[in-house]
Every structure is written in C-alpha cells, then in structure tokens.
Amino acid sequence: MTEVKRLSYLVLLIAIATLSGYSQETGAEYVAPSQAGPKGSAPRMQVQLLNRGEPTKEYAVIFYKGDEAFSGLQEFAEKYHVTSAHFTAIGAMSGATLGWFDPQRKMYKKIPIDGQHEVIGMSGDIALYQEKPVVHTHMVVGASDGTTRAGHVLAAYVAPTLEVMVIVDPITMHKRFDPETDLTLIDPTSK
C-alpha cells in the first residue's frame, strides 16, 4: 500500500470515527421513532384477562361543586360492589392535594393545589384489597397560565364539575400488600 493510500485510509477512518462520535452525541438528544423505546425490559410483567367475553358495565359518575371526588369514587365502588374497574375523568377543581410517592420514606409527599384548576386528565383503577374495593387514581391539573401539576390523588374538591367515565370489568382484580413499598399493588396472579 502506498503512502498516499495509507494516508487516505487513515483520513477516512478518522472521518468515520468523528461522524460516529457526532452521531452518538446527537443520539443522546434525539432518537429515531423505530428506536424510541427499550425492548424486552419487563421480565416481571404479569397479565390478567379482565373480560372473557362477558359484558362490561359502564357508568358516568358525575360530581358537582363542593364534592370531594376521591372519597366519592370510593363510595361509588362500595355501593355498586365494584371488584375491578378503570376510569378516566375531565373537569375542574377548586383545590386538591396530590402526592408524590417517596420510595425511601414509603410515604407520599403532599402537593397542595390551591385555587381553580382544570382537570386535564384523571385516570385510575379499582380493585379489591382484603375483600373491599380500593380506588387508586392520578391527576394532571392545569392553572390559568397553562402550567400543570400532577400526582397521586389524596383529595380533590370539584368546581364546577368532574365527569368520571368508569368501565367495570366482569372479572375481579385483587391487590396485595407489598412490604418493600408499604403499598397495595394489583396482583394479577391472585384469584
């Protein structure tokens, strides 16, 4: 190989290495749609079929000014003997207390929400723990300037309305106590 070819080859390798470095640097900030998520990283995942062809029930649970939505959903679940459900909601709040779970303390850090806010989205589920329905829900609220706050719902005071669409599944879901977190978590293997 001549000196010119060796030099050309070396320049080509340096260019490839430089472009590769640039690509990796850009890769930290951008990702192609086909590479947007990790693959095969849920080895503990479990699945429970919630509808074996049986019909589901759907409820519109509507709250009005002054209602506290979390306790109202709990009351709904008990009154209608809900053993498995999921729900979404939109509306507005005059105030709320949300929570952020601190795994070190095994407690929720309170996030107070004062004043009128739009409920951008609220979602959650209902499952049995010790044969009683338990509501678990999270919420995103928006202020008048468009900023948002979010977290686990501890309390939510409705104004003027909150429209909750509940789908009740025909198959019961159970929760179990998780000593690692002190939380009750859905256990799809429990019957």
N, C-alpha and C. Protein backbone atom coordinates (compact mmCIF):
# COMPACT_ATOMS: atom_id res chain seq x y z
N MET A 1 0.85 -1.17 0.00
CA MET A 1 0.00 0.00 0.00
C MET A 1 0.90 1.24 0.00
N THR A 2 0.61 2.15 -0.90
CA THR A 2 1.42 3.36 -1.00
C THR A 2 1.14 4.28 0.17
N GLU A 3 2.06 5.20 0.38
CA GLU A 3 1.91 6.17 1.47
C GLU A 3 0.65 7.01 1.28
N VAL A 4 0.30 7.37 0.07
CA VAL A 4 -0.89 8.18 -0.23
C VAL A 4 -2.15 7.39 0.12
N LYS A 5 -2.16 6.10 -0.26
CA LYS A 5 -3.33 5.27 0.04
C LYS A 5 -3.47 5.09 1.55
N ARG A 6 -2.33 4.87 2.23
CA ARG A 6 -2.37 4.73 3.69
C ARG A 6 -2.89 5.99 4.35
N LEU A 7 -2.44 7.12 3.88
CA LEU A 7 -2.88 8.41 4.40
C LEU A 7 -4.37 8.61 4.13
N SER A 8 -4.81 8.29 2.91
CA SER A 8 -6.23 8.40 2.55
C SER A 8 -7.08 7.49 3.44
N TYR A 9 -6.60 6.27 3.66
CA TYR A 9 -7.29 5.30 4.50
C TYR A 9 -7.40 5.81 5.93
N LEU A 10 -6.33 6.38 6.45
CA LEU A 10 -6.30 6.93 7.80
C LEU A 10 -7.27 8.10 7.93
N VAL A 11 -7.30 8.99 6.93
CA VAL A 11 -8.24 10.13 6.93
C VAL A 11 -9.68 9.62 6.92
N LEU A 12 -9.95 8.59 6.13
CA LEU A 12 -11.29 8.00 6.07
C LEU A 12 -11.68 7.43 7.43
N LEU A 13 -10.79 6.71 8.09
CA LEU A 13 -11.08 6.17 9.41
C LEU A 13 -11.33 7.27 10.43
N ILE A 14 -10.55 8.33 10.38
CA ILE A 14 -10.75 9.46 11.30
C ILE A 14 -12.11 10.11 11.03
N ALA A 15 -12.47 10.26 9.78
CA ALA A 15 -13.77 10.85 9.43
C ALA A 15 -14.92 9.99 9.94
N ILE A 16 -14.80 8.69 9.75
CA ILE A 16 -15.85 7.78 10.24
C ILE A 16 -15.95 7.85 11.76
N ALA A 17 -14.82 7.85 12.44
CA ALA A 17 -14.81 7.94 13.90
C ALA A 17 -15.42 9.26 14.37
N THR A 18 -15.08 10.35 13.67
CA THR A 18 -15.62 11.66 14.03
C THR A 18 -17.12 11.68 13.83
N LEU A 19 -17.60 11.18 12.70
CA LEU A 19 -19.04 11.14 12.44
C LEU A 19 -19.74 10.23 13.42
N SER A 20 -19.13 9.12 13.77
CA SER A 20 -19.72 8.21 14.75
C SER A 20 -19.84 8.89 16.10
N GLY A 21 -18.80 9.61 16.48
CA GLY A 21 -18.85 10.36 17.74
C GLY A 21 -19.94 11.40 17.70
N TYR A 22 -20.07 12.11 16.58
CA TYR A 22 -21.12 13.12 16.44
C TYR A 22 -22.48 12.46 16.51
N SER A 23 -22.62 11.33 15.84
CA SER A 23 -23.89 10.61 15.84
C SER A 23 -24.27 10.16 17.24
N GLN A 24 -23.29 9.67 18.01
CA GLN A 24 -23.57 9.25 19.37
C GLN A 24 -23.95 10.44 20.24
N GLU A 25 -23.24 11.57 20.03
CA GLU A 25 -23.56 12.76 20.79
C GLU A 25 -24.97 13.22 20.47
N THR A 26 -25.35 13.26 19.20
CA THR A 26 -26.69 13.64 18.80
C THR A 26 -27.69 12.60 19.29
N GLY A 27 -27.28 11.34 19.32
CA GLY A 27 -28.16 10.27 19.76
C GLY A 27 -28.64 10.44 21.18
N ALA A 28 -27.89 11.12 22.01
CA ALA A 28 -28.32 11.34 23.38
C ALA A 28 -29.48 12.31 23.44
N GLU A 29 -29.59 13.18 22.44
CA GLU A 29 -30.63 14.19 22.43
C GLU A 29 -31.81 13.79 21.55
N TYR A 30 -31.54 13.04 20.47
CA TYR A 30 -32.57 12.64 19.52
C TYR A 30 -32.58 11.13 19.36
N VAL A 31 -33.74 10.61 18.99
CA VAL A 31 -33.85 9.18 18.75
C VAL A 31 -34.83 8.94 17.59
N ALA A 32 -34.51 7.98 16.74
CA ALA A 32 -35.39 7.62 15.64
C ALA A 32 -36.64 6.95 16.19
N PRO A 33 -37.80 7.14 15.53
CA PRO A 33 -39.04 6.51 16.03
C PRO A 33 -38.92 5.01 16.24
N SER A 34 -38.19 4.33 15.35
CA SER A 34 -38.05 2.88 15.49
C SER A 34 -37.20 2.48 16.70
N GLN A 35 -36.45 3.43 17.24
CA GLN A 35 -35.59 3.16 18.40
C GLN A 35 -36.08 3.89 19.65
N ALA A 36 -37.33 4.35 19.65
CA ALA A 36 -37.83 5.26 20.69
C ALA A 36 -38.00 4.63 22.07
N GLY A 37 -38.09 3.33 22.16
CA GLY A 37 -38.29 2.74 23.48
C GLY A 37 -37.42 1.52 23.70
N PRO A 38 -37.16 1.20 24.96
CA PRO A 38 -36.36 0.00 25.25
C PRO A 38 -37.13 -1.26 24.85
N LYS A 39 -36.41 -2.27 24.51
CA LYS A 39 -37.02 -3.53 24.08
C LYS A 39 -36.71 -4.63 25.09
N GLY A 40 -37.74 -5.43 25.45
CA GLY A 40 -37.53 -6.60 26.30
C GLY A 40 -37.06 -6.29 27.71
N SER A 41 -37.58 -5.24 28.32
CA SER A 41 -37.10 -4.89 29.65
C SER A 41 -38.20 -4.95 30.72
N ALA A 42 -39.11 -5.91 30.60
CA ALA A 42 -40.16 -6.08 31.60
C ALA A 42 -40.27 -7.55 32.01
N PRO A 43 -39.21 -8.13 32.57
CA PRO A 43 -39.23 -9.57 32.87
C PRO A 43 -40.20 -9.96 33.98
N ARG A 44 -40.66 -9.01 34.79
CA ARG A 44 -41.57 -9.33 35.89
C ARG A 44 -43.03 -9.10 35.52
N MET A 45 -43.32 -8.67 34.28
CA MET A 45 -44.67 -8.35 33.86
C MET A 45 -45.60 -9.56 34.02
N GLN A 46 -46.82 -9.29 34.47
CA GLN A 46 -47.87 -10.30 34.56
C GLN A 46 -49.13 -9.75 33.93
N VAL A 47 -50.01 -10.62 33.44
CA VAL A 47 -51.20 -10.21 32.72
C VAL A 47 -52.41 -10.94 33.28
N GLN A 48 -53.54 -10.22 33.37
CA GLN A 48 -54.80 -10.83 33.78
C GLN A 48 -55.87 -10.42 32.78
N LEU A 49 -56.56 -11.38 32.17
CA LEU A 49 -57.68 -11.11 31.28
C LEU A 49 -58.85 -10.62 32.13
N LEU A 50 -59.40 -9.46 31.80
CA LEU A 50 -60.47 -8.88 32.61
C LEU A 50 -61.85 -9.06 32.00
N ASN A 51 -61.92 -9.53 30.77
CA ASN A 51 -63.21 -9.71 30.13
C ASN A 51 -63.15 -10.95 29.25
N ARG A 52 -63.71 -12.04 29.72
CA ARG A 52 -63.71 -13.30 28.95
C ARG A 52 -64.94 -13.38 28.06
N GLY A 53 -65.30 -12.27 27.44
CA GLY A 53 -66.48 -12.24 26.60
C GLY A 53 -67.71 -11.77 27.34
N GLU A 54 -67.64 -11.69 28.67
CA GLU A 54 -68.77 -11.19 29.43
C GLU A 54 -68.87 -9.68 29.21
N PRO A 55 -70.07 -9.15 29.24
CA PRO A 55 -70.21 -7.71 29.02
C PRO A 55 -69.67 -6.89 30.21
N THR A 56 -69.09 -5.77 29.89
CA THR A 56 -68.65 -4.84 30.92
C THR A 56 -69.81 -3.89 31.23
N LYS A 57 -69.72 -3.24 32.36
CA LYS A 57 -70.69 -2.20 32.71
C LYS A 57 -69.97 -0.87 32.61
N GLU A 58 -70.68 0.13 32.13
CA GLU A 58 -70.10 1.47 32.03
C GLU A 58 -70.97 2.44 32.80
N TYR A 59 -70.32 3.26 33.62
CA TYR A 59 -71.02 4.25 34.43
C TYR A 59 -70.45 5.64 34.15
N ALA A 60 -71.33 6.63 34.17
CA ALA A 60 -70.91 8.03 34.21
C ALA A 60 -71.13 8.48 35.65
N VAL A 61 -70.06 8.77 36.35
CA VAL A 61 -70.15 9.23 37.73
C VAL A 61 -69.81 10.72 37.69
N ILE A 62 -70.82 11.55 37.94
CA ILE A 62 -70.68 12.99 37.78
C ILE A 62 -70.67 13.66 39.16
N PHE A 63 -69.63 14.44 39.41
CA PHE A 63 -69.51 15.19 40.66
C PHE A 63 -69.78 16.66 40.39
N TYR A 64 -70.24 17.35 41.43
CA TYR A 64 -70.57 18.78 41.30
C TYR A 64 -69.84 19.59 42.36
N LYS A 65 -69.98 20.90 42.25
CA LYS A 65 -69.27 21.85 43.11
C LYS A 65 -69.35 21.47 44.58
N GLY A 66 -68.17 21.38 45.20
CA GLY A 66 -68.08 21.06 46.62
C GLY A 66 -67.87 19.59 46.92
N ASP A 67 -68.14 18.69 45.94
CA ASP A 67 -67.92 17.26 46.15
C ASP A 67 -66.41 16.98 46.24
N GLU A 68 -66.05 16.04 47.10
CA GLU A 68 -64.67 15.57 47.15
C GLU A 68 -64.63 14.28 46.34
N ALA A 69 -63.93 14.29 45.23
CA ALA A 69 -64.02 13.23 44.23
C ALA A 69 -63.41 11.90 44.68
N PHE A 70 -62.29 11.91 45.38
CA PHE A 70 -61.65 10.64 45.76
C PHE A 70 -62.56 9.84 46.67
N SER A 71 -63.08 10.46 47.73
CA SER A 71 -63.97 9.73 48.64
C SER A 71 -65.27 9.36 47.93
N GLY A 72 -65.70 10.20 46.98
CA GLY A 72 -66.90 9.88 46.21
C GLY A 72 -66.71 8.64 45.35
N LEU A 73 -65.55 8.51 44.74
CA LEU A 73 -65.28 7.30 43.94
C LEU A 73 -65.22 6.06 44.83
N GLN A 74 -64.65 6.22 46.02
CA GLN A 74 -64.61 5.11 46.97
C GLN A 74 -66.04 4.70 47.36
N GLU A 75 -66.88 5.69 47.63
CA GLU A 75 -68.29 5.43 47.97
C GLU A 75 -69.01 4.73 46.81
N PHE A 76 -68.78 5.21 45.58
CA PHE A 76 -69.37 4.57 44.40
C PHE A 76 -68.96 3.10 44.31
N ALA A 77 -67.67 2.82 44.46
CA ALA A 77 -67.16 1.46 44.35
C ALA A 77 -67.80 0.54 45.39
N GLU A 78 -67.97 1.03 46.61
CA GLU A 78 -68.59 0.22 47.67
C GLU A 78 -70.08 0.01 47.40
N LYS A 79 -70.79 1.07 47.04
CA LYS A 79 -72.24 0.99 46.83
C LYS A 79 -72.60 0.06 45.67
N TYR A 80 -71.80 0.08 44.61
CA TYR A 80 -72.10 -0.72 43.41
C TYR A 80 -71.29 -2.02 43.37
N HIS A 81 -70.64 -2.37 44.47
CA HIS A 81 -69.90 -3.63 44.60
C HIS A 81 -68.91 -3.84 43.45
N VAL A 82 -68.13 -2.81 43.17
CA VAL A 82 -67.15 -2.85 42.09
C VAL A 82 -65.93 -3.65 42.56
N THR A 83 -65.59 -4.68 41.80
CA THR A 83 -64.43 -5.52 42.15
C THR A 83 -63.28 -5.35 41.17
N SER A 84 -63.53 -4.67 40.06
CA SER A 84 -62.49 -4.40 39.08
C SER A 84 -63.00 -3.34 38.12
N ALA A 85 -62.25 -2.24 37.99
CA ALA A 85 -62.67 -1.17 37.08
C ALA A 85 -61.48 -0.30 36.72
N HIS A 86 -61.66 0.47 35.67
CA HIS A 86 -60.71 1.53 35.32
C HIS A 86 -61.53 2.73 34.88
N PHE A 87 -60.95 3.91 35.03
CA PHE A 87 -61.73 5.11 34.74
C PHE A 87 -60.84 6.25 34.26
N THR A 88 -61.49 7.19 33.60
CA THR A 88 -60.86 8.44 33.18
C THR A 88 -61.82 9.57 33.54
N ALA A 89 -61.28 10.79 33.66
CA ALA A 89 -62.14 11.92 34.01
C ALA A 89 -61.56 13.22 33.49
N ILE A 90 -62.46 14.18 33.28
CA ILE A 90 -62.10 15.57 32.99
C ILE A 90 -63.05 16.45 33.77
N GLY A 91 -62.65 17.69 33.98
CA GLY A 91 -63.50 18.63 34.71
C GLY A 91 -62.67 19.75 35.28
N ALA A 92 -63.02 20.16 36.51
CA ALA A 92 -62.31 21.26 37.14
C ALA A 92 -62.35 21.11 38.66
N MET A 93 -61.36 21.72 39.31
CA MET A 93 -61.20 21.64 40.77
C MET A 93 -61.06 23.03 41.36
N SER A 94 -61.54 23.19 42.58
CA SER A 94 -61.29 24.43 43.32
C SER A 94 -60.06 24.27 44.21
N GLY A 95 -59.58 23.06 44.32
CA GLY A 95 -58.39 22.76 45.10
C GLY A 95 -58.21 21.27 45.21
N ALA A 96 -57.00 20.86 45.52
CA ALA A 96 -56.72 19.42 45.63
C ALA A 96 -55.45 19.23 46.44
N THR A 97 -55.26 18.02 46.91
CA THR A 97 -53.99 17.60 47.47
C THR A 97 -53.56 16.38 46.69
N LEU A 98 -52.46 16.53 45.97
CA LEU A 98 -51.90 15.41 45.23
C LEU A 98 -50.69 14.91 46.00
N GLY A 99 -50.14 13.79 45.56
CA GLY A 99 -48.99 13.24 46.26
C GLY A 99 -47.95 12.70 45.31
N TRP A 100 -46.71 12.75 45.75
CA TRP A 100 -45.58 12.16 45.04
C TRP A 100 -45.00 11.10 45.97
N PHE A 101 -44.95 9.86 45.50
CA PHE A 101 -44.50 8.76 46.36
C PHE A 101 -42.99 8.78 46.51
N ASP A 102 -42.54 8.86 47.76
CA ASP A 102 -41.12 8.84 48.08
C ASP A 102 -40.76 7.42 48.51
N PRO A 103 -40.06 6.65 47.66
CA PRO A 103 -39.78 5.25 47.98
C PRO A 103 -38.87 5.08 49.19
N GLN A 104 -38.05 6.07 49.51
CA GLN A 104 -37.17 5.98 50.69
C GLN A 104 -37.98 6.04 51.98
N ARG A 105 -38.93 6.96 52.01
CA ARG A 105 -39.75 7.13 53.22
C ARG A 105 -40.98 6.23 53.23
N LYS A 106 -41.35 5.69 52.05
CA LYS A 106 -42.56 4.89 51.89
C LYS A 106 -43.79 5.73 52.26
N MET A 107 -43.76 6.98 51.82
CA MET A 107 -44.84 7.91 52.10
C MET A 107 -45.04 8.84 50.90
N TYR A 108 -46.21 9.49 50.86
CA TYR A 108 -46.48 10.48 49.83
C TYR A 108 -46.09 11.87 50.31
N LYS A 109 -45.35 12.58 49.51
CA LYS A 109 -45.07 13.99 49.76
C LYS A 109 -46.28 14.75 49.22
N LYS A 110 -46.91 15.55 50.07
CA LYS A 110 -48.11 16.28 49.67
C LYS A 110 -47.77 17.40 48.70
N ILE A 111 -48.61 17.53 47.68
CA ILE A 111 -48.51 18.61 46.71
C ILE A 111 -49.83 19.37 46.78
N PRO A 112 -49.88 20.49 47.50
CA PRO A 112 -51.14 21.24 47.60
C PRO A 112 -51.42 22.01 46.31
N ILE A 113 -52.66 21.95 45.87
CA ILE A 113 -53.11 22.67 44.68
C ILE A 113 -54.19 23.63 45.16
N ASP A 114 -53.89 24.91 45.16
CA ASP A 114 -54.83 25.92 45.64
C ASP A 114 -55.48 26.65 44.48
N GLY A 115 -56.76 26.92 44.60
CA GLY A 115 -57.47 27.70 43.59
C GLY A 115 -57.97 26.88 42.43
N GLN A 116 -58.65 27.56 41.54
CA GLN A 116 -59.31 26.92 40.41
C GLN A 116 -58.30 26.35 39.41
N HIS A 117 -58.48 25.09 39.04
CA HIS A 117 -57.63 24.40 38.06
C HIS A 117 -58.50 23.51 37.18
N GLU A 118 -58.14 23.39 35.93
CA GLU A 118 -58.77 22.43 35.03
C GLU A 118 -58.18 21.05 35.28
N VAL A 119 -59.03 20.04 35.26
CA VAL A 119 -58.54 18.67 35.31
C VAL A 119 -58.25 18.26 33.86
N ILE A 120 -56.98 18.26 33.52
CA ILE A 120 -56.55 17.91 32.17
C ILE A 120 -56.79 16.43 31.93
N GLY A 121 -56.54 15.64 32.94
CA GLY A 121 -56.77 14.21 32.86
C GLY A 121 -56.68 13.57 34.23
N MET A 122 -57.54 12.63 34.45
CA MET A 122 -57.50 11.84 35.69
C MET A 122 -57.76 10.40 35.26
N SER A 123 -56.95 9.50 35.75
CA SER A 123 -57.16 8.09 35.42
C SER A 123 -56.86 7.25 36.64
N GLY A 124 -57.44 6.07 36.66
CA GLY A 124 -57.20 5.21 37.80
C GLY A 124 -57.87 3.87 37.64
N ASP A 125 -57.81 3.11 38.74
CA ASP A 125 -58.41 1.78 38.74
C ASP A 125 -59.02 1.50 40.11
N ILE A 126 -59.82 0.45 40.13
CA ILE A 126 -60.43 -0.04 41.36
C ILE A 126 -60.19 -1.54 41.39
N ALA A 127 -59.72 -2.04 42.52
CA ALA A 127 -59.50 -3.48 42.71
C ALA A 127 -59.74 -3.79 44.18
N LEU A 128 -59.89 -5.08 44.49
CA LEU A 128 -60.16 -5.49 45.87
C LEU A 128 -58.88 -5.67 46.67
N TYR A 129 -58.93 -5.19 47.91
CA TYR A 129 -57.89 -5.48 48.89
C TYR A 129 -58.61 -5.89 50.16
N GLN A 130 -58.31 -7.07 50.66
CA GLN A 130 -59.00 -7.63 51.82
C GLN A 130 -60.51 -7.58 51.63
N GLU A 131 -60.93 -7.95 50.42
CA GLU A 131 -62.34 -8.07 50.01
C GLU A 131 -63.10 -6.75 49.98
N LYS A 132 -62.40 -5.61 49.98
CA LYS A 132 -63.04 -4.30 49.87
C LYS A 132 -62.45 -3.56 48.67
N PRO A 133 -63.29 -2.81 47.93
CA PRO A 133 -62.76 -2.07 46.79
C PRO A 133 -61.83 -0.93 47.23
N VAL A 134 -60.75 -0.77 46.49
CA VAL A 134 -59.77 0.29 46.76
C VAL A 134 -59.58 1.09 45.47
N VAL A 135 -59.71 2.41 45.57
CA VAL A 135 -59.54 3.31 44.44
C VAL A 135 -58.08 3.79 44.41
N HIS A 136 -57.50 3.78 43.22
CA HIS A 136 -56.15 4.31 43.00
C HIS A 136 -56.24 5.24 41.80
N THR A 137 -55.88 6.51 41.97
CA THR A 137 -56.03 7.46 40.87
C THR A 137 -54.94 8.53 40.88
N HIS A 138 -54.61 8.97 39.68
CA HIS A 138 -53.66 10.07 39.47
C HIS A 138 -54.35 11.15 38.65
N MET A 139 -53.82 12.38 38.74
CA MET A 139 -54.46 13.51 38.09
C MET A 139 -53.41 14.52 37.61
N VAL A 140 -53.72 15.13 36.46
CA VAL A 140 -52.95 16.27 35.96
C VAL A 140 -53.91 17.46 35.94
N VAL A 141 -53.51 18.57 36.59
CA VAL A 141 -54.35 19.77 36.59
C VAL A 141 -53.58 20.92 35.96
N GLY A 142 -54.35 21.83 35.34
CA GLY A 142 -53.74 22.97 34.68
C GLY A 142 -54.22 24.27 35.29
N ALA A 143 -53.29 25.20 35.48
CA ALA A 143 -53.61 26.53 36.01
C ALA A 143 -53.98 27.46 34.85
N SER A 144 -54.43 28.68 35.19
CA SER A 144 -54.87 29.64 34.18
C SER A 144 -53.74 30.06 33.24
N ASP A 145 -52.50 29.93 33.66
CA ASP A 145 -51.38 30.29 32.78
C ASP A 145 -50.89 29.10 31.94
N GLY A 146 -51.57 27.97 32.06
CA GLY A 146 -51.22 26.80 31.26
C GLY A 146 -50.21 25.87 31.91
N THR A 147 -49.69 26.23 33.07
CA THR A 147 -48.76 25.32 33.75
C THR A 147 -49.55 24.17 34.35
N THR A 148 -48.90 23.04 34.52
CA THR A 148 -49.57 21.86 35.05
C THR A 148 -48.89 21.34 36.30
N ARG A 149 -49.65 20.63 37.09
CA ARG A 149 -49.14 19.92 38.27
C ARG A 149 -49.81 18.55 38.24
N ALA A 150 -49.16 17.57 38.82
CA ALA A 150 -49.70 16.22 38.72
C ALA A 150 -49.27 15.38 39.90
N GLY A 151 -49.99 14.28 40.11
CA GLY A 151 -49.61 13.34 41.15
C GLY A 151 -50.73 12.39 41.50
N HIS A 152 -50.47 11.62 42.52
CA HIS A 152 -51.43 10.67 43.10
C HIS A 152 -52.49 11.49 43.82
N VAL A 153 -53.77 11.17 43.63
CA VAL A 153 -54.84 11.95 44.24
C VAL A 153 -55.04 11.54 45.70
N LEU A 154 -54.89 12.52 46.59
CA LEU A 154 -55.19 12.34 48.01
C LEU A 154 -56.53 12.96 48.34
N ALA A 155 -56.85 14.09 47.71
CA ALA A 155 -58.15 14.76 47.84
C ALA A 155 -58.31 15.68 46.65
N ALA A 156 -59.55 15.83 46.17
CA ALA A 156 -59.82 16.69 45.01
C ALA A 156 -61.22 17.28 45.16
N TYR A 157 -61.28 18.61 45.27
CA TYR A 157 -62.54 19.32 45.50
C TYR A 157 -63.05 19.91 44.19
N VAL A 158 -64.21 19.43 43.77
CA VAL A 158 -64.77 19.72 42.46
C VAL A 158 -65.37 21.13 42.40
N ALA A 159 -65.17 21.81 41.27
CA ALA A 159 -65.84 23.08 40.98
C ALA A 159 -65.63 23.41 39.50
N PRO A 160 -66.59 23.45 38.65
CA PRO A 160 -67.99 23.17 38.90
C PRO A 160 -68.39 21.71 38.73
N THR A 161 -67.60 20.90 37.96
CA THR A 161 -67.99 19.52 37.73
C THR A 161 -66.76 18.65 37.46
N LEU A 162 -66.92 17.36 37.68
CA LEU A 162 -65.93 16.36 37.29
C LEU A 162 -66.71 15.20 36.71
N GLU A 163 -66.39 14.85 35.47
CA GLU A 163 -67.10 13.79 34.75
C GLU A 163 -66.20 12.57 34.68
N VAL A 164 -66.57 11.54 35.43
CA VAL A 164 -65.75 10.32 35.53
C VAL A 164 -66.47 9.22 34.76
N MET A 165 -65.78 8.65 33.77
CA MET A 165 -66.33 7.54 33.00
C MET A 165 -65.67 6.25 33.49
N VAL A 166 -66.49 5.39 34.11
CA VAL A 166 -66.00 4.18 34.76
C VAL A 166 -66.41 2.97 33.95
N ILE A 167 -65.45 2.11 33.65
CA ILE A 167 -65.74 0.83 32.99
C ILE A 167 -65.46 -0.26 34.01
N VAL A 168 -66.53 -0.99 34.37
CA VAL A 168 -66.43 -2.06 35.36
C VAL A 168 -66.26 -3.38 34.63
N ASP A 169 -65.21 -4.09 34.97
CA ASP A 169 -64.89 -5.36 34.33
C ASP A 169 -65.61 -6.51 35.03
N PRO A 170 -65.96 -7.56 34.29
CA PRO A 170 -66.66 -8.70 34.90
C PRO A 170 -65.76 -9.62 35.73
N ILE A 171 -64.46 -9.49 35.61
CA ILE A 171 -63.51 -10.33 36.34
C ILE A 171 -62.92 -9.52 37.49
N THR A 172 -62.84 -10.10 38.66
CA THR A 172 -62.31 -9.41 39.84
C THR A 172 -60.79 -9.27 39.78
N MET A 173 -60.31 -8.08 40.15
CA MET A 173 -58.88 -7.85 40.32
C MET A 173 -58.60 -7.73 41.82
N HIS A 174 -57.47 -8.26 42.25
CA HIS A 174 -57.09 -8.19 43.66
C HIS A 174 -55.79 -7.41 43.82
N LYS A 175 -55.67 -6.80 44.99
CA LYS A 175 -54.42 -6.14 45.37
C LYS A 175 -53.78 -6.94 46.49
N ARG A 176 -52.48 -6.79 46.62
CA ARG A 176 -51.74 -7.41 47.71
C ARG A 176 -50.87 -6.35 48.35
N PHE A 177 -50.57 -6.54 49.61
CA PHE A 177 -49.67 -5.63 50.30
C PHE A 177 -48.25 -5.92 49.88
N ASP A 178 -47.51 -4.88 49.52
CA ASP A 178 -46.12 -5.01 49.12
C ASP A 178 -45.25 -4.45 50.24
N PRO A 179 -44.58 -5.30 51.03
CA PRO A 179 -43.79 -4.82 52.16
C PRO A 179 -42.59 -3.95 51.75
N GLU A 180 -42.13 -4.09 50.52
CA GLU A 180 -40.99 -3.29 50.06
C GLU A 180 -41.36 -1.81 49.95
N THR A 181 -42.64 -1.52 49.59
CA THR A 181 -43.07 -0.14 49.41
C THR A 181 -44.13 0.31 50.42
N ASP A 182 -44.74 -0.63 51.14
CA ASP A 182 -45.89 -0.37 52.01
C ASP A 182 -47.13 0.05 51.22
N LEU A 183 -47.20 -0.32 49.95
CA LEU A 183 -48.34 -0.01 49.10
C LEU A 183 -49.15 -1.28 48.84
N THR A 184 -50.42 -1.08 48.47
CA THR A 184 -51.20 -2.21 47.97
C THR A 184 -51.14 -2.15 46.44
N LEU A 185 -50.65 -3.22 45.84
CA LEU A 185 -50.43 -3.27 44.40
C LEU A 185 -51.30 -4.35 43.78
N ILE A 186 -51.75 -4.11 42.56
CA ILE A 186 -52.56 -5.11 41.85
C ILE A 186 -51.72 -6.36 41.64
N ASP A 187 -52.32 -7.51 41.94
CA ASP A 187 -51.66 -8.80 41.78
C ASP A 187 -52.47 -9.64 40.81
N PRO A 188 -52.11 -9.68 39.52
CA PRO A 188 -52.89 -10.43 38.54
C PRO A 188 -52.87 -11.94 38.74
N THR A 189 -52.00 -12.44 39.62
CA THR A 189 -51.96 -13.90 39.86
C THR A 189 -52.92 -14.30 40.96
N SER A 190 -53.44 -13.34 41.69
CA SER A 190 -54.33 -13.63 42.81
C SER A 190 -55.74 -13.87 42.31
N LYS A 191 -56.39 -14.88 42.85
CA LYS A 191 -57.78 -15.20 42.47
C LYS A 191 -58.69 -15.05 43.66
